[in-house]
C-alpha atoms as a PDB file:
ATOM      1  CA  MET A   1     100.338  92.853  75.269  1.00  0.00           C
ATOM      2  CA  ALA A   2      99.592  89.742  77.223  1.00  0.00           C
ATOM      3  CA  GLU A   3      96.125  88.800  78.363  1.00  0.00           C
ATOM      4  CA  ILE A   4      94.895  86.854  81.378  1.00  0.00           C
ATOM      5  CA  GLY A   5      92.984  84.022  79.711  1.00  0.00           C
ATOM      6  CA  ASP A   6      90.057  85.305  77.673  1.00  0.00           C
ATOM      7  CA  THR A   7      89.013  87.852  80.302  1.00  0.00           C
ATOM      8  CA  GLY A   8      89.874  90.944  78.304  1.00  0.00           C
ATOM      9  CA  VAL A   9      92.366  91.855  81.046  1.00  0.00           C
ATOM     10  CA  ALA A  10      95.482  92.767  79.070  1.00  0.00           C
ATOM     11  CA  PHE A  11      98.754  94.099  80.447  1.00  0.00           C
ATOM     12  CA  ASP A  12     102.177  95.147  79.280  1.00  0.00           C
ATOM     13  CA  LYS A  13     104.010  95.661  82.587  1.00  0.00           C
ATOM     14  CA  VAL A  14     104.545  93.437  85.586  1.00  0.00           C
ATOM     15  CA  ALA A  15     105.611  94.430  89.073  1.00  0.00           C
ATOM     16  CA  ARG A  16     107.101  92.468  91.896  1.00  0.00           C
ATOM     17  CA  GLU A  17     105.915  93.906  95.187  1.00  0.00           C
ATOM     18  CA  TRP A  18     107.677  93.482  98.509  1.00  0.00           C
ATOM     19  CA  ARG A  19     105.608  94.612 101.473  1.00  0.00           C
ATOM     20  CA  CYS A  20     105.372  94.545 105.231  1.00  0.00           C
ATOM     21  CA  LYS A  21     103.774  96.165 108.223  1.00  0.00           C
ATOM     22  CA  TYR A  22     105.940  98.446 110.339  1.00  0.00           C
ATOM     23  CA  THR A  23     105.211  99.578 113.884  1.00  0.00           C
ATOM     24  CA  ALA A  24     104.164 103.077 114.828  1.00  0.00           C
ATOM     25  CA  GLY A  25     106.569 105.238 116.778  1.00  0.00           C
ATOM     26  CA  PRO A  26     106.096 106.502 120.343  1.00  0.00           C
ATOM     27  CA  SER A  27     103.761 109.238 119.030  1.00  0.00           C
ATOM     28  CA  GLY A  28     101.451 106.570 117.625  1.00  0.00           C
ATOM     29  CA  GLY A  29     102.255 107.462 114.036  1.00  0.00           C
ATOM     30  CA  PRO A  30     104.869 106.957 111.353  1.00  0.00           C
ATOM     31  CA  GLY A  31     106.864 110.156 111.913  1.00  0.00           C
ATOM     32  CA  ASP A  32     108.995 108.692 114.686  1.00  0.00           C
ATOM     33  CA  SER A  33     108.799 105.006 113.756  1.00  0.00           C
ATOM     34  CA  ALA A  34     112.151 103.270 114.150  1.00  0.00           C
ATOM     35  CA  SER A  35     111.035 100.328 112.020  1.00  0.00           C
ATOM     36  CA  LEU A  36     109.865 102.605 109.175  1.00  0.00           C
ATOM     37  CA  LYS A  37     113.218 104.398 109.299  1.00  0.00           C
ATOM     38  CA  GLU A  38     115.013 101.043 108.981  1.00  0.00           C
ATOM     39  CA  CYS A  39     112.741  99.920 106.123  1.00  0.00           C
ATOM     40  CA  GLN A  40     113.591 103.125 104.252  1.00  0.00           C
ATOM     41  CA  ALA A  41     117.314 102.643 104.914  1.00  0.00           C
ATOM     42  CA  LEU A  42     117.090  99.095 103.559  1.00  0.00           C
ATOM     43  CA  LEU A  43     115.393 100.316 100.397  1.00  0.00           C
ATOM     44  CA  LYS A  44     118.057 102.991  99.979  1.00  0.00           C
ATOM     45  CA  GLU A  45     120.724 100.264 100.273  1.00  0.00           C
ATOM     46  CA  PHE A  46     119.066  98.144  97.556  1.00  0.00           C
ATOM     47  CA  LEU A  47     117.970 100.958  95.239  1.00  0.00           C
ATOM     48  CA  PRO A  48     121.067 100.945  92.995  1.00  0.00           C
ATOM     49  CA  LYS A  49     120.736  97.174  92.459  1.00  0.00           C
ATOM     50  CA  LEU A  50     117.014  97.461  91.733  1.00  0.00           C
ATOM     51  CA  LYS A  51     117.512 100.323  89.295  1.00  0.00           C
ATOM     52  CA  ALA A  52     120.083  98.174  87.480  1.00  0.00           C
ATOM     53  CA  LEU A  53     117.365  95.679  86.496  1.00  0.00           C
ATOM     54  CA  PRO A  54     116.446  96.131  82.815  1.00  0.00           C
ATOM     55  CA  LYS A  55     113.973  99.019  82.344  1.00  0.00           C
ATOM     56  CA  ALA A  56     112.933  98.880  86.021  1.00  0.00           C
ATOM     57  CA  GLU A  57     110.885 101.621  87.664  1.00  0.00           C
ATOM     58  CA  ILE A  58     110.941 101.520  91.452  1.00  0.00           C
ATOM     59  CA  THR A  59     108.112 102.910  93.563  1.00  0.00           C
ATOM     60  CA  ARG A  60     107.701 103.028  97.303  1.00  0.00           C
ATOM     61  CA  GLN A  61     104.377 103.366  99.074  1.00  0.00           C
ATOM     62  CA  VAL A  62     103.945 104.127 102.762  1.00  0.00           C
ATOM     63  CA  CYS A  63     100.636 104.322 104.600  1.00  0.00           C
ATOM     64  CA  GLY A  64     100.663 106.089 107.948  1.00  0.00           C
ATOM     65  CA  GLY A  65      97.210 104.783 108.847  1.00  0.00           C
ATOM     66  CA  CYS A  66      97.567 101.050 108.243  1.00  0.00           C
ATOM     67  CA  LEU A  67     101.378 101.095 108.643  1.00  0.00           C
ATOM     68  CA  ASP A  68     102.170  99.567 105.242  1.00  0.00           C
ATOM     69  CA  PHE A  69     105.601  99.794 103.632  1.00  0.00           C
ATOM     70  CA  LYS A  70     105.642  98.602 100.011  1.00  0.00           C
ATOM     71  CA  VAL A  71     108.243  98.505  97.272  1.00  0.00           C
ATOM     72  CA  SER A  72     107.210  97.790  93.676  1.00  0.00           C
ATOM     73  CA  ILE A  73     109.682  96.933  90.951  1.00  0.00           C
ATOM     74  CA  VAL A  74     107.844  97.536  87.674  1.00  0.00           C
ATOM     75  CA  GLN A  75     109.221  96.300  84.354  1.00  0.00           C
ATOM     76  CA  PRO A  76     107.896  95.789  80.848  1.00  0.00           C
ATOM     77  CA  LEU A  77     106.640  92.237  80.429  1.00  0.00           C
ATOM     78  CA  GLU A  78     109.596  91.098  78.339  1.00  0.00           C
ATOM     79  CA  GLU A  79     112.259  92.285  80.791  1.00  0.00           C
ATOM     80  CA  HIS A  80     110.337  91.077  83.837  1.00  0.00           C
ATOM     81  CA  GLY A  81     110.277  87.486  82.599  1.00  0.00           C
ATOM     82  CA  ALA A  82     114.043  87.047  82.900  1.00  0.00           C
ATOM     83  CA  TRP A  83     114.070  88.143  86.559  1.00  0.00           C
ATOM     84  CA  ALA A  84     110.944  86.098  87.347  1.00  0.00           C
ATOM     85  CA  GLY A  85     112.663  83.068  85.821  1.00  0.00           C
ATOM     86  CA  GLN A  86     115.310  83.403  88.536  1.00  0.00           C
ATOM     87  CA  ASN A  87     112.619  83.517  91.265  1.00  0.00           C
ATOM     88  CA  TYR A  88     113.512  87.214  91.654  1.00  0.00           C
ATOM     89  CA  ASN A  89     116.825  86.292  93.210  1.00  0.00           C
ATOM     90  CA  PRO A  90     119.261  87.050  94.551  1.00  0.00           C
ATOM     91  CA  LEU A  91     117.719  90.471  95.290  1.00  0.00           C
ATOM     92  CA  GLU A  92     114.383  89.319  96.679  1.00  0.00           C
ATOM     93  CA  GLU A  93     115.837  86.687  98.969  1.00  0.00           C
ATOM     94  CA  GLU A  94     118.348  89.169 100.407  1.00  0.00           C
ATOM     95  CA  PHE A  95     115.868  92.045 100.763  1.00  0.00           C
ATOM     96  CA  VAL A  96     113.142  89.926 102.368  1.00  0.00           C
ATOM     97  CA  ALA A  97     115.587  88.360 104.845  1.00  0.00           C
ATOM     98  CA  LYS A  98     116.830  91.798 105.909  1.00  0.00           C
ATOM     99  CA  LEU A  99     113.281  93.160 106.095  1.00  0.00           C
ATOM    100  CA  LYS A 100     112.230  90.292 108.376  1.00  0.00           C
ATOM    101  CA  ALA A 101     115.199  91.034 110.647  1.00  0.00           C
ATOM    102  CA  ILE A 102     114.023  94.595 111.361  1.00  0.00           C
ATOM    103  CA  LYS A 103     112.569  94.872 114.861  1.00  0.00           C
ATOM    104  CA  GLY A 104     108.902  95.832 114.645  1.00  0.00           C
ATOM    105  CA  VAL A 105     108.346  94.560 111.091  1.00  0.00           C
ATOM    106  CA  SER A 106     105.684  91.897 110.495  1.00  0.00           C
ATOM    107  CA  GLN A 107     103.638  90.369 107.680  1.00  0.00           C
ATOM    108  CA  VAL A 108     106.466  90.358 105.151  1.00  0.00           C
ATOM    109  CA  GLU A 109     104.987  89.285 101.814  1.00  0.00           C
ATOM    110  CA  THR A 110     105.724  89.300  98.098  1.00  0.00           C
ATOM    111  CA  GLN A 111     103.350  89.445  95.149  1.00  0.00           C
ATOM    112  CA  GLU A 112     103.413  89.709  91.376  1.00  0.00           C
ATOM    113  CA  ILE A 113     101.019  92.305  89.930  1.00  0.00           C
ATOM    114  CA  THR A 114     100.196  93.226  86.321  1.00  0.00           C
ATOM    115  CA  PHE A 115      99.888  96.802  85.058  1.00  0.00           C
ATOM    116  CA  VAL A 116      98.604  98.601  81.990  1.00  0.00           C
ATOM    117  CA  SER A 117      98.108 102.308  81.351  1.00  0.00           C
ATOM    118  CA  MET A 118      94.479 102.986  80.532  1.00  0.00           C
END
């Protein structure tokens, strides 16, 4: 386990999160959102490559209220370090560029997050 300084905050998994805001569909919700449909198609395109990362677990989160679309690539600390050392590329660069190109997508961001089962 790694620890963040001397805070007592230990972790054994790290995730790279890719996230954005999508636009609501004509109904005002996510059910008919063209941009959400394209975000999902993009994830489906990249899923085999993401699953090929060592010991990676992929999760997707969608919020219909705040219109968030998030992808988390979770790996044990040891395996995550190798990908982080490459600045998460080429996958992150390609995915983020394609995400930004989707009409109706905004606030494209990335973040590294630590995890531990409690």
